[in-house]
Amino acid sequence: MSANPHPLPLSACPTCSYEMDAASSATDPSYRPRPEDYSLCGKCGEVLVYAADLTLRAADLKDMLALDDEQGRLLTHLQRTIRRERFIK
């Protein structure tokens, strides 16, 4: 496994405690996360949001209501895939 060329601060999922320090984009492989971007826990599929320091926090109702229809559909699709496939045991 190669080293992460763009590490992020270590963050633990608030739901399952899975620790993450990297990200990938479902639509653009070169994209780097920015504050207020959405993410999903790779283990449990929880919807997360990047804070100003690029650590992750749980998405709240305000965050979820801010999603447009396309974003909501993409997050839901990816969340279901993560939960169905259980890529990380």
Protein backbone atom coordinates (compact mmCIF):
# COMPACT_ATOMS: atom_id res chain seq x y z
CA MET A 1 0.00 0.00 0.00
CA SER A 2 1.39 3.42 -0.92
CA ALA A 3 1.50 6.39 1.44
CA ASN A 4 -1.39 8.85 1.34
CA PRO A 5 -0.10 11.81 -0.75
CA HIS A 6 -2.71 14.18 0.73
CA PRO A 7 -3.28 13.19 4.35
CA LEU A 8 -6.09 14.69 6.36
CA PRO A 9 -6.26 15.10 10.14
CA LEU A 10 -7.19 11.86 11.88
CA SER A 11 -10.91 11.84 12.69
CA ALA A 12 -13.07 9.20 14.32
CA CYS A 13 -16.60 8.56 13.12
CA PRO A 14 -18.95 9.72 15.90
CA THR A 15 -21.19 6.68 15.26
CA CYS A 16 -18.80 3.72 15.01
CA SER A 17 -15.41 5.22 16.04
CA TYR A 18 -13.74 4.16 12.78
CA GLU A 19 -10.66 6.36 12.28
CA MET A 20 -10.11 8.08 8.93
CA ASP A 21 -7.27 10.26 7.61
CA ALA A 22 -7.92 10.17 3.87
CA ALA A 23 -10.72 10.87 1.43
CA SER A 24 -11.71 10.09 -2.12
CA SER A 25 -14.34 11.64 -4.35
CA ALA A 26 -17.16 9.73 -6.00
CA THR A 27 -17.06 12.14 -8.95
CA ASP A 28 -13.53 13.66 -9.21
CA PRO A 29 -10.39 11.68 -8.22
CA SER A 30 -8.30 14.86 -7.87
CA TYR A 31 -10.75 16.66 -5.53
CA ARG A 32 -9.54 17.62 -2.05
CA PRO A 33 -12.14 18.10 0.72
CA ARG A 34 -12.93 21.61 1.93
CA PRO A 35 -14.69 22.81 5.07
CA GLU A 36 -18.45 22.10 4.93
CA ASP A 37 -18.04 19.35 2.30
CA TYR A 38 -19.92 16.13 2.96
CA SER A 39 -18.41 12.70 3.45
CA LEU A 40 -19.46 9.23 4.52
CA CYS A 41 -17.84 6.93 7.04
CA GLY A 42 -16.26 4.09 5.08
CA LYS A 43 -17.28 1.59 7.73
CA CYS A 44 -20.84 2.43 8.80
CA GLY A 45 -21.98 4.93 6.15
CA GLU A 46 -22.77 7.76 8.58
CA VAL A 47 -23.10 11.15 6.85
CA LEU A 48 -20.27 13.42 7.97
CA VAL A 49 -19.21 17.01 7.31
CA TYR A 50 -15.71 18.48 7.21
CA ALA A 51 -15.05 21.13 9.86
CA ALA A 52 -12.80 24.18 9.30
CA ASP A 53 -9.74 22.15 10.35
CA LEU A 54 -10.80 19.26 8.02
CA THR A 55 -11.68 16.94 10.85
CA LEU A 56 -15.04 15.20 10.48
CA ARG A 57 -18.22 15.74 12.48
CA ALA A 58 -21.66 14.18 12.25
CA ALA A 59 -24.01 15.93 9.85
CA ASP A 60 -26.88 17.63 11.65
CA LEU A 61 -30.39 18.38 10.41
CA LYS A 62 -29.32 21.78 9.03
CA ASP A 63 -26.58 20.08 6.98
CA MET A 64 -28.99 17.48 5.63
CA LEU A 65 -31.60 20.07 4.67
CA ALA A 66 -28.93 22.05 2.77
CA LEU A 67 -28.38 19.19 0.31
CA ASP A 68 -29.87 19.62 -3.13
CA ASP A 69 -31.75 16.69 -4.67
CA GLU A 70 -28.77 15.39 -6.66
CA GLN A 71 -26.43 15.54 -3.66
CA GLY A 72 -29.01 13.78 -1.50
CA ARG A 73 -29.49 11.00 -4.04
CA LEU A 74 -25.73 10.48 -4.41
CA LEU A 75 -25.14 10.37 -0.64
CA THR A 76 -28.06 7.97 -0.17
CA HIS A 77 -26.83 5.70 -2.95
CA LEU A 78 -23.28 5.62 -1.57
CA GLN A 79 -24.49 5.15 1.99
CA ARG A 80 -26.61 2.16 0.97
CA THR A 81 -23.67 0.67 -0.93
CA ILE A 82 -21.35 1.04 2.08
CA ARG A 83 -23.90 -0.52 4.42
CA ARG A 84 -24.78 -3.36 2.03
CA GLU A 85 -21.23 -4.28 0.99
CA ARG A 86 -19.51 -3.72 4.36
CA PHE A 87 -16.17 -2.94 2.68
CA ILE A 88 -14.54 -2.38 6.08
CA LYS A 89 -15.22 -5.07 8.66
